[in-house]
């Protein structure tokens, strides 16, 4: 299992990175799940324009990153039935990491931090 690490602080943000690469898995995301472990993250790529929380049963925290895994945007506590839209003209976002709220509460992350997926 791969971990998600903030290279700036060496903090492990998630013990288990689950990937969603197919069109079906990207569209489904965390929809319909009753719970999601706080130690996990769902990495959706590509994901350039934004996300939605339709049919979700819990709020999520998200980190949008560019192709180099540099943080471009952070949103916390996105409740079900919301849309987070990123203008594709202005955003250099390539993918997104989704966490069950309040997974990011105790981490010092900010836009521009470099992330790493690995062991």
PDB file of N, CA and C in Angstrom:
ATOM      1  N   UNK A   1       0.833  -1.187   0.000  1.00  0.00           N
ATOM      2  CA  UNK A   1       0.000   0.000   0.000  1.00  0.00           C
ATOM      3  C   UNK A   1       0.877   1.250   0.000  1.00  0.00           C
ATOM      4  N   UNK A   2       0.491   2.204  -0.811  1.00  0.00           N
ATOM      5  CA  UNK A   2       1.227   3.461  -0.887  1.00  0.00           C
ATOM      6  C   UNK A   2       0.676   4.457   0.135  1.00  0.00           C
ATOM      7  N   UNK A   3       1.553   5.315   0.616  1.00  0.00           N
ATOM      8  CA  UNK A   3       1.185   6.370   1.546  1.00  0.00           C
ATOM      9  C   UNK A   3       1.186   7.707   0.808  1.00  0.00           C
ATOM     10  N   UNK A   4       0.476   8.691   1.383  1.00  0.00           N
ATOM     11  CA  UNK A   4       0.524  10.067   0.894  1.00  0.00           C
ATOM     12  C   UNK A   4       1.293  10.884   1.914  1.00  0.00           C
ATOM     13  N   UNK A   5       2.391  11.497   1.461  1.00  0.00           N
ATOM     14  CA  UNK A   5       3.307  12.198   2.354  1.00  0.00           C
ATOM     15  C   UNK A   5       3.475  13.643   1.900  1.00  0.00           C
ATOM     16  N   UNK A   6       3.466  14.565   2.861  1.00  0.00           N
ATOM     17  CA  UNK A   6       3.798  15.959   2.584  1.00  0.00           C
ATOM     18  C   UNK A   6       5.315  16.072   2.680  1.00  0.00           C
ATOM     19  N   UNK A   7       5.979  16.315   1.555  1.00  0.00           N
ATOM     20  CA  UNK A   7       7.441  16.353   1.533  1.00  0.00           C
ATOM     21  C   UNK A   7       8.004  17.509   2.352  1.00  0.00           C
ATOM     22  N   UNK A   8       7.250  18.604   2.476  1.00  0.00           N
ATOM     23  CA  UNK A   8       7.722  19.770   3.221  1.00  0.00           C
ATOM     24  C   UNK A   8       7.857  19.461   4.712  1.00  0.00           C
ATOM     25  N   UNK A   9       6.868  18.724   5.253  1.00  0.00           N
ATOM     26  CA  UNK A   9       6.848  18.457   6.696  1.00  0.00           C
ATOM     27  C   UNK A   9       7.152  17.007   7.049  1.00  0.00           C
ATOM     28  N   UNK A  10       7.258  16.141   6.037  1.00  0.00           N
ATOM     29  CA  UNK A  10       7.430  14.697   6.228  1.00  0.00           C
ATOM     30  C   UNK A  10       6.274  14.050   6.975  1.00  0.00           C
ATOM     31  N   UNK A  11       5.115  14.697   6.986  1.00  0.00           N
ATOM     32  CA  UNK A  11       3.929  14.121   7.620  1.00  0.00           C
ATOM     33  C   UNK A  11       3.256  13.140   6.663  1.00  0.00           C
ATOM     34  N   UNK A  12       2.832  12.018   7.202  1.00  0.00           N
ATOM     35  CA  UNK A  12       2.044  11.058   6.432  1.00  0.00           C
ATOM     36  C   UNK A  12       0.590  11.499   6.540  1.00  0.00           C
ATOM     37  N   UNK A  13       0.019  11.931   5.425  1.00  0.00           N
ATOM     38  CA  UNK A  13      -1.362  12.407   5.405  1.00  0.00           C
ATOM     39  C   UNK A  13      -2.348  11.252   5.295  1.00  0.00           C
ATOM     40  N   UNK A  14      -1.919  10.155   4.673  1.00  0.00           N
ATOM     41  CA  UNK A  14      -2.767   8.964   4.548  1.00  0.00           C
ATOM     42  C   UNK A  14      -1.881   7.734   4.502  1.00  0.00           C
ATOM     43  N   UNK A  15      -2.277   6.711   5.216  1.00  0.00           N
ATOM     44  CA  UNK A  15      -1.543   5.447   5.241  1.00  0.00           C
ATOM     45  C   UNK A  15      -1.811   4.601   4.005  1.00  0.00           C
ATOM     46  N   UNK A  16      -2.967   4.833   3.378  1.00  0.00           N
ATOM     47  CA  UNK A  16      -3.384   4.003   2.254  1.00  0.00           C
ATOM     48  C   UNK A  16      -3.968   4.896   1.157  1.00  0.00           C
ATOM     49  N   UNK A  17      -3.349   4.894  -0.013  1.00  0.00           N
ATOM     50  CA  UNK A  17      -3.835   5.654  -1.155  1.00  0.00           C
ATOM     51  C   UNK A  17      -4.573   4.695  -2.088  1.00  0.00           C
ATOM     52  N   UNK A  18      -5.860   4.952  -2.266  1.00  0.00           N
ATOM     53  CA  UNK A  18      -6.700   4.163  -3.166  1.00  0.00           C
ATOM     54  C   UNK A  18      -6.863   4.986  -4.440  1.00  0.00           C
ATOM     55  N   UNK A  19      -6.598   4.400  -5.595  1.00  0.00           N
ATOM     56  CA  UNK A  19      -6.659   5.164  -6.833  1.00  0.00           C
ATOM     57  C   UNK A  19      -7.963   4.926  -7.587  1.00  0.00           C
ATOM     58  N   UNK A  20      -8.416   5.982  -8.235  1.00  0.00           N
ATOM     59  CA  UNK A  20      -9.587   5.924  -9.118  1.00  0.00           C
ATOM     60  C   UNK A  20      -9.137   6.484 -10.462  1.00  0.00           C
ATOM     61  N   UNK A  21      -8.889   5.591 -11.410  1.00  0.00           N
ATOM     62  CA  UNK A  21      -8.373   5.991 -12.724  1.00  0.00           C
ATOM     63  C   UNK A  21      -9.379   5.805 -13.843  1.00  0.00           C
ATOM     64  N   UNK A  22     -10.217   4.777 -13.727  1.00  0.00           N
ATOM     65  CA  UNK A  22     -11.182   4.528 -14.809  1.00  0.00           C
ATOM     66  C   UNK A  22     -12.292   5.566 -14.737  1.00  0.00           C
ATOM     67  N   UNK A  23     -12.957   5.768 -15.845  1.00  0.00           N
ATOM     68  CA  UNK A  23     -14.038   6.756 -15.865  1.00  0.00           C
ATOM     69  C   UNK A  23     -15.115   6.405 -14.849  1.00  0.00           C
ATOM     70  N   UNK A  24     -15.430   5.119 -14.707  1.00  0.00           N
ATOM     71  CA  UNK A  24     -16.451   4.706 -13.746  1.00  0.00           C
ATOM     72  C   UNK A  24     -16.004   4.966 -12.312  1.00  0.00           C
ATOM     73  N   UNK A  25     -14.787   4.576 -11.972  1.00  0.00           N
ATOM     74  CA  UNK A  25     -14.324   4.762 -10.589  1.00  0.00           C
ATOM     75  C   UNK A  25     -14.153   6.247 -10.249  1.00  0.00           C
ATOM     76  N   UNK A  26     -13.787   7.059 -11.241  1.00  0.00           N
ATOM     77  CA  UNK A  26     -13.667   8.507 -10.998  1.00  0.00           C
ATOM     78  C   UNK A  26     -15.037   9.123 -10.765  1.00  0.00           C
ATOM     79  N   UNK A  27     -16.015   8.721 -11.560  1.00  0.00           N
ATOM     80  CA  UNK A  27     -17.366   9.269 -11.398  1.00  0.00           C
ATOM     81  C   UNK A  27     -17.994   8.829 -10.077  1.00  0.00           C
ATOM     82  N   UNK A  28     -17.755   7.586  -9.683  1.00  0.00           N
ATOM     83  CA  UNK A  28     -18.342   7.062  -8.452  1.00  0.00           C
ATOM     84  C   UNK A  28     -17.668   7.650  -7.222  1.00  0.00           C
ATOM     85  N   UNK A  29     -16.349   7.713  -7.235  1.00  0.00           N
ATOM     86  CA  UNK A  29     -15.637   8.270  -6.087  1.00  0.00           C
ATOM     87  C   UNK A  29     -16.055   7.610  -4.786  1.00  0.00           C
ATOM     88  N   UNK A  30     -16.476   8.417  -3.837  1.00  0.00           N
ATOM     89  CA  UNK A  30     -16.909   7.917  -2.523  1.00  0.00           C
ATOM     90  C   UNK A  30     -18.430   7.843  -2.395  1.00  0.00           C
ATOM     91  N   UNK A  31     -19.139   8.025  -3.513  1.00  0.00           N
ATOM     92  CA  UNK A  31     -20.605   7.970  -3.477  1.00  0.00           C
ATOM     93  C   UNK A  31     -21.093   6.629  -2.938  1.00  0.00           C
ATOM     94  N   UNK A  32     -22.095   6.709  -2.091  1.00  0.00           N
ATOM     95  CA  UNK A  32     -22.742   5.506  -1.597  1.00  0.00           C
ATOM     96  C   UNK A  32     -22.040   4.822  -0.442  1.00  0.00           C
ATOM     97  N   UNK A  33     -20.805   5.221  -0.143  1.00  0.00           N
ATOM     98  CA  UNK A  33     -20.100   4.608   0.986  1.00  0.00           C
ATOM     99  C   UNK A  33     -20.675   5.141   2.295  1.00  0.00           C
ATOM    100  N   UNK A  34     -20.890   4.231   3.247  1.00  0.00           N
ATOM    101  CA  UNK A  34     -21.374   4.639   4.559  1.00  0.00           C
ATOM    102  C   UNK A  34     -20.271   5.235   5.410  1.00  0.00           C
ATOM    103  N   UNK A  35     -19.039   4.843   5.144  1.00  0.00           N
ATOM    104  CA  UNK A  35     -17.903   5.310   5.928  1.00  0.00           C
ATOM    105  C   UNK A  35     -16.649   5.187   5.076  1.00  0.00           C
ATOM    106  N   UNK A  36     -15.593   5.838   5.524  1.00  0.00           N
ATOM    107  CA  UNK A  36     -14.303   5.773   4.844  1.00  0.00           C
ATOM    108  C   UNK A  36     -13.240   5.960   5.921  1.00  0.00           C
ATOM    109  N   UNK A  37     -12.269   5.068   6.005  1.00  0.00           N
ATOM    110  CA  UNK A  37     -11.266   5.169   7.079  1.00  0.00           C
ATOM    111  C   UNK A  37     -10.509   6.491   7.051  1.00  0.00           C
ATOM    112  N   UNK A  38     -10.301   7.068   8.216  1.00  0.00           N
ATOM    113  CA  UNK A  38      -9.573   8.326   8.333  1.00  0.00           C
ATOM    114  C   UNK A  38      -8.123   8.195   7.870  1.00  0.00           C
ATOM    115  N   UNK A  39      -7.614   6.992   7.856  1.00  0.00           N
ATOM    116  CA  UNK A  39      -6.226   6.766   7.450  1.00  0.00           C
ATOM    117  C   UNK A  39      -6.071   6.615   5.936  1.00  0.00           C
ATOM    118  N   UNK A  40      -7.187   6.662   5.192  1.00  0.00           N
ATOM    119  CA  UNK A  40      -7.160   6.447   3.744  1.00  0.00           C
ATOM    120  C   UNK A  40      -7.447   7.739   2.987  1.00  0.00           C
ATOM    121  N   UNK A  41      -7.042   7.748   1.711  1.00  0.00           N
ATOM    122  CA  UNK A  41      -7.423   8.806   0.796  1.00  0.00           C
ATOM    123  C   UNK A  41      -7.769   8.175  -0.543  1.00  0.00           C
ATOM    124  N   UNK A  42      -8.700   8.791  -1.249  1.00  0.00           N
ATOM    125  CA  UNK A  42      -9.032   8.364  -2.607  1.00  0.00           C
ATOM    126  C   UNK A  42      -8.376   9.361  -3.552  1.00  0.00           C
ATOM    127  N   UNK A  43      -7.489   8.865  -4.430  1.00  0.00           N
ATOM    128  CA  UNK A  43      -6.778   9.703  -5.382  1.00  0.00           C
ATOM    129  C   UNK A  43      -7.472   9.553  -6.728  1.00  0.00           C
ATOM    130  N   UNK A  44      -8.116  10.624  -7.178  1.00  0.00           N
ATOM    131  CA  UNK A  44      -8.856  10.623  -8.435  1.00  0.00           C
ATOM    132  C   UNK A  44      -8.036  11.355  -9.491  1.00  0.00           C
ATOM    133  N   UNK A  45      -7.709  10.636 -10.568  1.00  0.00           N
ATOM    134  CA  UNK A  45      -6.991  11.299 -11.667  1.00  0.00           C
ATOM    135  C   UNK A  45      -7.298  10.645 -12.990  1.00  0.00           C
ATOM    136  N   UNK A  46      -7.377  11.452 -14.057  1.00  0.00           N
ATOM    137  CA  UNK A  46      -7.318  12.917 -13.971  1.00  0.00           C
ATOM    138  C   UNK A  46      -8.617  13.478 -13.406  1.00  0.00           C
ATOM    139  N   UNK A  47      -8.525  14.657 -12.845  1.00  0.00           N
ATOM    140  CA  UNK A  47      -9.669  15.378 -12.283  1.00  0.00           C
ATOM    141  C   UNK A  47      -9.326  16.853 -12.349  1.00  0.00           C
ATOM    142  N   UNK A  48      -9.658  17.494 -13.438  1.00  0.00           N
ATOM    143  CA  UNK A  48      -9.204  18.861 -13.682  1.00  0.00           C
ATOM    144  C   UNK A  48     -10.226  19.937 -13.353  1.00  0.00           C
ATOM    145  N   UNK A  49     -11.514  19.639 -13.514  1.00  0.00           N
ATOM    146  CA  UNK A  49     -12.518  20.687 -13.414  1.00  0.00           C
ATOM    147  C   UNK A  49     -13.175  20.848 -12.062  1.00  0.00           C
ATOM    148  N   UNK A  50     -13.114  19.825 -11.215  1.00  0.00           N
ATOM    149  CA  UNK A  50     -13.742  19.921  -9.907  1.00  0.00           C
ATOM    150  C   UNK A  50     -14.341  18.596  -9.484  1.00  0.00           C
ATOM    151  N   UNK A  51     -15.078  18.650  -8.398  1.00  0.00           N
ATOM    152  CA  UNK A  51     -15.693  17.448  -7.835  1.00  0.00           C
ATOM    153  C   UNK A  51     -17.112  17.765  -7.375  1.00  0.00           C
ATOM    154  N   UNK A  52     -17.863  16.715  -7.061  1.00  0.00           N
ATOM    155  CA  UNK A  52     -19.180  16.866  -6.456  1.00  0.00           C
ATOM    156  C   UNK A  52     -19.278  15.890  -5.293  1.00  0.00           C
ATOM    157  N   UNK A  53     -20.232  16.165  -4.417  1.00  0.00           N
ATOM    158  CA  UNK A  53     -20.473  15.261  -3.293  1.00  0.00           C
ATOM    159  C   UNK A  53     -21.919  14.737  -3.316  1.00  0.00           C
ATOM    160  N   UNK A  54     -22.477  14.600  -4.512  1.00  0.00           N
ATOM    161  CA  UNK A  54     -23.822  14.056  -4.656  1.00  0.00           C
ATOM    162  C   UNK A  54     -23.845  12.611  -4.144  1.00  0.00           C
ATOM    163  N   UNK A  55     -24.909  12.253  -3.470  1.00  0.00           N
ATOM    164  CA  UNK A  55     -25.148  10.904  -2.952  1.00  0.00           C
ATOM    165  C   UNK A  55     -24.102  10.456  -1.925  1.00  0.00           C
ATOM    166  N   UNK A  56     -23.361  11.394  -1.375  1.00  0.00           N
ATOM    167  CA  UNK A  56     -22.390  11.027  -0.336  1.00  0.00           C
ATOM    168  C   UNK A  56     -23.061  11.105   1.028  1.00  0.00           C
ATOM    169  N   UNK A  57     -22.529  10.334   1.971  1.00  0.00           N
ATOM    170  CA  UNK A  57     -23.146  10.232   3.287  1.00  0.00           C
ATOM    171  C   UNK A  57     -22.328  10.891   4.383  1.00  0.00           C
ATOM    172  N   UNK A  58     -21.238  11.551   4.016  1.00  0.00           N
ATOM    173  CA  UNK A  58     -20.388  12.228   4.994  1.00  0.00           C
ATOM    174  C   UNK A  58     -19.627  13.355   4.292  1.00  0.00           C
ATOM    175  N   UNK A  59     -19.209  14.368   5.040  1.00  0.00           N
ATOM    176  CA  UNK A  59     -18.419  15.450   4.449  1.00  0.00           C
ATOM    177  C   UNK A  59     -16.983  14.992   4.162  1.00  0.00           C
ATOM    178  N   UNK A  60     -16.350  15.686   3.224  1.00  0.00           N
ATOM    179  CA  UNK A  60     -14.975  15.334   2.854  1.00  0.00           C
ATOM    180  C   UNK A  60     -14.069  16.562   2.855  1.00  0.00           C
ATOM    181  N   UNK A  61     -12.780  16.299   3.016  1.00  0.00           N
ATOM    182  CA  UNK A  61     -11.713  17.279   2.815  1.00  0.00           C
ATOM    183  C   UNK A  61     -11.024  16.890   1.519  1.00  0.00           C
ATOM    184  N   UNK A  62     -10.598  17.877   0.728  1.00  0.00           N
ATOM    185  CA  UNK A  62      -9.947  17.561  -0.540  1.00  0.00           C
ATOM    186  C   UNK A  62      -8.700  18.401  -0.747  1.00  0.00           C
ATOM    187  N   UNK A  63      -7.745  17.776  -1.415  1.00  0.00           N
ATOM    188  CA  UNK A  63      -6.517  18.462  -1.826  1.00  0.00           C
ATOM    189  C   UNK A  63      -6.402  18.294  -3.331  1.00  0.00           C
ATOM    190  N   UNK A  64      -6.443  19.408  -4.056  1.00  0.00           N
ATOM    191  CA  UNK A  64      -6.208  19.390  -5.492  1.00  0.00           C
ATOM    192  C   UNK A  64      -4.721  19.602  -5.736  1.00  0.00           C
ATOM    193  N   UNK A  65      -4.160  18.865  -6.692  1.00  0.00           N
ATOM    194  CA  UNK A  65      -2.728  18.956  -7.000  1.00  0.00           C
ATOM    195  C   UNK A  65      -2.519  19.051  -8.511  1.00  0.00           C
ATOM    196  N   UNK A  66      -1.338  19.547  -8.897  1.00  0.00           N
ATOM    197  CA  UNK A  66      -0.969  19.560 -10.316  1.00  0.00           C
ATOM    198  C   UNK A  66      -0.270  18.247 -10.662  1.00  0.00           C
ATOM    199  N   UNK A  67       0.248  18.144 -11.865  1.00  0.00           N
ATOM    200  CA  UNK A  67       0.896  16.896 -12.304  1.00  0.00           C
ATOM    201  C   UNK A  67       2.116  16.529 -11.460  1.00  0.00           C
ATOM    202  N   UNK A  68       2.744  17.521 -10.842  1.00  0.00           N
ATOM    203  CA  UNK A  68       3.919  17.275  -9.996  1.00  0.00           C
ATOM    204  C   UNK A  68       3.544  17.010  -8.542  1.00  0.00           C
ATOM    205  N   UNK A  69       2.243  16.908  -8.270  1.00  0.00           N
ATOM    206  CA  UNK A  69       1.697  16.702  -6.924  1.00  0.00           C
ATOM    207  C   UNK A  69       1.957  17.882  -5.996  1.00  0.00           C
ATOM    208  N   UNK A  70       2.046  19.069  -6.561  1.00  0.00           N
ATOM    209  CA  UNK A  70       2.124  20.294  -5.775  1.00  0.00           C
ATOM    210  C   UNK A  70       0.684  20.749  -5.502  1.00  0.00           C
ATOM    211  N   UNK A  71       0.403  21.096  -4.259  1.00  0.00           N
ATOM    212  CA  UNK A  71      -0.960  21.475  -3.881  1.00  0.00           C
ATOM    213  C   UNK A  71      -1.357  22.782  -4.568  1.00  0.00           C
ATOM    214  N   UNK A  72      -2.504  22.723  -5.276  1.00  0.00           N
ATOM    215  CA  UNK A  72      -3.028  23.917  -5.932  1.00  0.00           C
ATOM    216  C   UNK A  72      -4.201  24.520  -5.164  1.00  0.00           C
ATOM    217  N   UNK A  73      -4.998  23.684  -4.506  1.00  0.00           N
ATOM    218  CA  UNK A  73      -6.146  24.161  -3.712  1.00  0.00           C
ATOM    219  C   UNK A  73      -6.451  23.145  -2.614  1.00  0.00           C
ATOM    220  N   UNK A  74      -6.985  23.647  -1.499  1.00  0.00           N
ATOM    221  CA  UNK A  74      -7.412  22.807  -0.384  1.00  0.00           C
ATOM    222  C   UNK A  74      -8.818  23.242   0.017  1.00  0.00           C
ATOM    223  N   UNK A  75      -9.714  22.285   0.181  1.00  0.00           N
ATOM    224  CA  UNK A  75     -11.065  22.566   0.670  1.00  0.00           C
ATOM    225  C   UNK A  75     -11.344  21.604   1.815  1.00  0.00           C
ATOM    226  N   UNK A  76     -11.903  22.134   2.898  1.00  0.00           N
ATOM    227  CA  UNK A  76     -12.217  21.291   4.050  1.00  0.00           C
ATOM    228  C   UNK A  76     -13.717  21.301   4.318  1.00  0.00           C
ATOM    229  N   UNK A  77     -14.192  20.167   4.809  1.00  0.00           N
ATOM    230  CA  UNK A  77     -15.575  20.003   5.250  1.00  0.00           C
ATOM    231  C   UNK A  77     -16.588  20.325   4.151  1.00  0.00           C
ATOM    232  N   UNK A  78     -16.427  19.687   3.006  1.00  0.00           N
ATOM    233  CA  UNK A  78     -17.400  19.830   1.929  1.00  0.00           C
ATOM    234  C   UNK A  78     -18.533  18.855   2.224  1.00  0.00           C
ATOM    235  N   UNK A  79     -19.686  19.398   2.493  1.00  0.00           N
ATOM    236  CA  UNK A  79     -20.829  18.565   2.884  1.00  0.00           C
ATOM    237  C   UNK A  79     -21.458  17.907   1.660  1.00  0.00           C
ATOM    238  N   UNK A  80     -22.250  16.846   1.886  1.00  0.00           N
ATOM    239  CA  UNK A  80     -22.937  16.200   0.760  1.00  0.00           C
ATOM    240  C   UNK A  80     -23.804  17.182  -0.028  1.00  0.00           C
ATOM    241  N   UNK A  81     -23.942  16.883  -1.324  1.00  0.00           N
ATOM    242  CA  UNK A  81     -24.760  17.624  -2.276  1.00  0.00           C
ATOM    243  C   UNK A  81     -24.176  18.987  -2.644  1.00  0.00           C
ATOM    244  N   UNK A  82     -22.858  19.076  -2.676  1.00  0.00           N
ATOM    245  CA  UNK A  82     -22.182  20.310  -3.090  1.00  0.00           C
ATOM    246  C   UNK A  82     -21.325  20.050  -4.324  1.00  0.00           C
ATOM    247  N   UNK A  83     -20.974  21.130  -5.001  1.00  0.00           N
ATOM    248  CA  UNK A  83     -20.066  21.077  -6.147  1.00  0.00           C
ATOM    249  C   UNK A  83     -18.898  22.011  -5.867  1.00  0.00           C
ATOM    250  N   UNK A  84     -17.699  21.533  -6.112  1.00  0.00           N
ATOM    251  CA  UNK A  84     -16.510  22.371  -6.074  1.00  0.00           C
ATOM    252  C   UNK A  84     -16.024  22.443  -7.513  1.00  0.00           C
ATOM    253  N   UNK A  85     -16.132  23.609  -8.100  1.00  0.00           N
ATOM    254  CA  UNK A  85     -15.779  23.807  -9.505  1.00  0.00           C
ATOM    255  C   UNK A  85     -14.484  24.610  -9.591  1.00  0.00           C
ATOM    256  N   UNK A  86     -13.554  24.140 -10.390  1.00  0.00           N
ATOM    257  CA  UNK A  86     -12.310  24.870 -10.650  1.00  0.00           C
ATOM    258  C   UNK A  86     -12.298  25.270 -12.118  1.00  0.00           C
ATOM    259  N   UNK A  87     -12.118  26.530 -12.377  1.00  0.00           N
ATOM    260  CA  UNK A  87     -12.056  26.995 -13.759  1.00  0.00           C
ATOM    261  C   UNK A  87     -10.868  26.342 -14.455  1.00  0.00           C
ATOM    262  N   UNK A  88     -11.126  25.604 -15.509  1.00  0.00           N
ATOM    263  CA  UNK A  88     -10.046  24.916 -16.214  1.00  0.00           C
ATOM    264  C   UNK A  88      -9.096  25.897 -16.885  1.00  0.00           C
ATOM    265  N   UNK A  89      -9.537  27.126 -17.109  1.00  0.00           N
ATOM    266  CA  UNK A  89      -8.666  28.124 -17.722  1.00  0.00           C
ATOM    267  C   UNK A  89      -7.630  28.649 -16.726  1.00  0.00           C
ATOM    268  N   UNK A  90      -8.002  28.707 -15.456  1.00  0.00           N
ATOM    269  CA  UNK A  90      -7.112  29.265 -14.443  1.00  0.00           C
ATOM    270  C   UNK A  90      -6.388  28.206 -13.617  1.00  0.00           C
ATOM    271  N   UNK A  91      -6.932  27.015 -13.572  1.00  0.00           N
ATOM    272  CA  UNK A  91      -6.396  25.976 -12.700  1.00  0.00           C
ATOM    273  C   UNK A  91      -5.345  25.125 -13.404  1.00  0.00           C
ATOM    274  N   UNK A  92      -4.298  24.796 -12.686  1.00  0.00           N
ATOM    275  CA  UNK A  92      -3.290  23.855 -13.175  1.00  0.00           C
ATOM    276  C   UNK A  92      -3.493  22.498 -12.508  1.00  0.00           C
ATOM    277  N   UNK A  93      -4.664  22.328 -11.932  1.00  0.00           N
ATOM    278  CA  UNK A  93      -4.998  21.099 -11.230  1.00  0.00           C
ATOM    279  C   UNK A  93      -5.068  19.927 -12.193  1.00  0.00           C
ATOM    280  N   UNK A  94      -4.526  18.801 -11.735  1.00  0.00           N
ATOM    281  CA  UNK A  94      -4.576  17.570 -12.531  1.00  0.00           C
ATOM    282  C   UNK A  94      -5.323  16.450 -11.822  1.00  0.00           C
ATOM    283  N   UNK A  95      -5.227  16.392 -10.488  1.00  0.00           N
ATOM    284  CA  UNK A  95      -5.890  15.324  -9.750  1.00  0.00           C
ATOM    285  C   UNK A  95      -6.278  15.815  -8.363  1.00  0.00           C
ATOM    286  N   UNK A  96      -7.000  14.954  -7.637  1.00  0.00           N
ATOM    287  CA  UNK A  96      -7.500  15.341  -6.323  1.00  0.00           C
ATOM    288  C   UNK A  96      -7.398  14.158  -5.363  1.00  0.00           C
ATOM    289  N   UNK A  97      -7.110  14.470  -4.114  1.00  0.00           N
ATOM    290  CA  UNK A  97      -7.126  13.500  -3.023  1.00  0.00           C
ATOM    291  C   UNK A  97      -8.323  13.819  -2.144  1.00  0.00           C
ATOM    292  N   UNK A  98      -9.169  12.816  -1.893  1.00  0.00           N
ATOM    293  CA  UNK A  98     -10.353  13.000  -1.047  1.00  0.00           C
ATOM    294  C   UNK A  98     -10.172  12.233   0.261  1.00  0.00           C
ATOM    295  N   UNK A  99     -10.551  12.883   1.359  1.00  0.00           N
ATOM    296  CA  UNK A  99     -10.440  12.330   2.713  1.00  0.00           C
ATOM    297  C   UNK A  99     -11.771  12.517   3.424  1.00  0.00           C
ATOM    298  N   UNK A 100     -12.077  11.655   4.364  1.00  0.00           N
ATOM    299  CA  UNK A 100     -13.244  11.871   5.216  1.00  0.00           C
ATOM    300  C   UNK A 100     -12.901  12.978   6.212  1.00  0.00           C
ATOM    301  N   UNK A 101     -13.769  13.982   6.306  1.00  0.00           N
ATOM    302  CA  UNK A 101     -13.582  15.064   7.280  1.00  0.00           C
ATOM    303  C   UNK A 101     -13.615  14.478   8.688  1.00  0.00           C
ATOM    304  N   UNK A 102     -12.760  14.873   9.589  1.00  0.00           N
ATOM    305  CA  UNK A 102     -11.779  15.948   9.606  1.00  0.00           C
ATOM    306  C   UNK A 102     -10.339  15.461   9.415  1.00  0.00           C
ATOM    307  N   UNK A 103     -10.095  14.624   8.447  1.00  0.00           N
ATOM    308  CA  UNK A 103      -8.781  13.996   8.268  1.00  0.00           C
ATOM    309  C   UNK A 103      -7.637  15.004   8.181  1.00  0.00           C
ATOM    310  N   UNK A 104      -7.868  16.166   7.606  1.00  0.00           N
ATOM    311  CA  UNK A 104      -6.778  17.131   7.415  1.00  0.00           C
ATOM    312  C   UNK A 104      -6.635  18.124   8.561  1.00  0.00           C
ATOM    313  N   UNK A 105      -7.497  18.012   9.555  1.00  0.00           N
ATOM    314  CA  UNK A 105      -7.540  18.985  10.644  1.00  0.00           C
ATOM    315  C   UNK A 105      -6.208  19.140  11.387  1.00  0.00           C
ATOM    316  N   UNK A 106      -5.476  18.069  11.558  1.00  0.00           N
ATOM    317  CA  UNK A 106      -4.273  18.105  12.393  1.00  0.00           C
ATOM    318  C   UNK A 106      -2.974  18.276  11.608  1.00  0.00           C
ATOM    319  N   UNK A 107      -3.093  18.493  10.310  1.00  0.00           N
ATOM    320  CA  UNK A 107      -1.903  18.634   9.481  1.00  0.00           C
ATOM    321  C   UNK A 107      -1.709  20.082   9.061  1.00  0.00           C
ATOM    322  N   UNK A 108      -0.468  20.475   8.964  1.00  0.00           N
ATOM    323  CA  UNK A 108      -0.124  21.825   8.520  1.00  0.00           C
ATOM    324  C   UNK A 108       0.204  21.753   7.036  1.00  0.00           C
ATOM    325  N   UNK A 109      -0.829  21.842   6.222  1.00  0.00           N
ATOM    326  CA  UNK A 109      -0.646  21.798   4.779  1.00  0.00           C
ATOM    327  C   UNK A 109      -1.095  23.123   4.199  1.00  0.00           C
ATOM    328  N   UNK A 110      -0.474  23.497   3.100  1.00  0.00           N
ATOM    329  CA  UNK A 110      -0.866  24.740   2.448  1.00  0.00           C
ATOM    330  C   UNK A 110      -0.601  24.660   0.959  1.00  0.00           C
ATOM    331  N   UNK A 111      -1.233  25.565   0.257  1.00  0.00           N
ATOM    332  CA  UNK A 111      -1.043  25.633  -1.188  1.00  0.00           C
ATOM    333  C   UNK A 111       0.447  25.777  -1.468  1.00  0.00           C
ATOM    334  N   UNK A 112       0.939  25.025  -2.449  1.00  0.00           N
ATOM    335  CA  UNK A 112       2.355  25.050  -2.799  1.00  0.00           C
ATOM    336  C   UNK A 112       3.167  23.921  -2.197  1.00  0.00           C
ATOM    337  N   UNK A 113       2.651  23.261  -1.147  1.00  0.00           N
ATOM    338  CA  UNK A 113       3.362  22.118  -0.566  1.00  0.00           C
ATOM    339  C   UNK A 113       3.460  21.008  -1.609  1.00  0.00           C
ATOM    340  N   UNK A 114       4.551  20.278  -1.548  1.00  0.00           N
ATOM    341  CA  UNK A 114       4.803  19.173  -2.478  1.00  0.00           C
ATOM    342  C   UNK A 114       4.441  17.855  -1.793  1.00  0.00           C
ATOM    343  N   UNK A 115       3.591  17.064  -2.439  1.00  0.00           N
ATOM    344  CA  UNK A 115       3.198  15.763  -1.908  1.00  0.00           C
ATOM    345  C   UNK A 115       3.950  14.656  -2.622  1.00  0.00           C
ATOM    346  N   UNK A 116       3.930  13.482  -2.014  1.00  0.00           N
ATOM    347  CA  UNK A 116       4.605  12.291  -2.567  1.00  0.00           C
ATOM    348  C   UNK A 116       3.735  11.077  -2.274  1.00  0.00           C
ATOM    349  N   UNK A 117       3.576  10.223  -3.272  1.00  0.00           N
ATOM    350  CA  UNK A 117       2.866   8.952  -3.103  1.00  0.00           C
ATOM    351  C   UNK A 117       3.888   7.837  -3.214  1.00  0.00           C
ATOM    352  N   UNK A 118       4.027   7.061  -2.163  1.00  0.00           N
ATOM    353  CA  UNK A 118       4.998   5.967  -2.162  1.00  0.00           C
ATOM    354  C   UNK A 118       5.104   5.347  -0.790  1.00  0.00           C
ATOM    355  N   UNK A 119       6.207   4.685  -0.550  1.00  0.00           N
ATOM    356  CA  UNK A 119       6.411   3.957   0.720  1.00  0.00           C
ATOM    357  C   UNK A 119       7.458   4.644   1.562  1.00  0.00           C
TER     358      UNK A 119
END
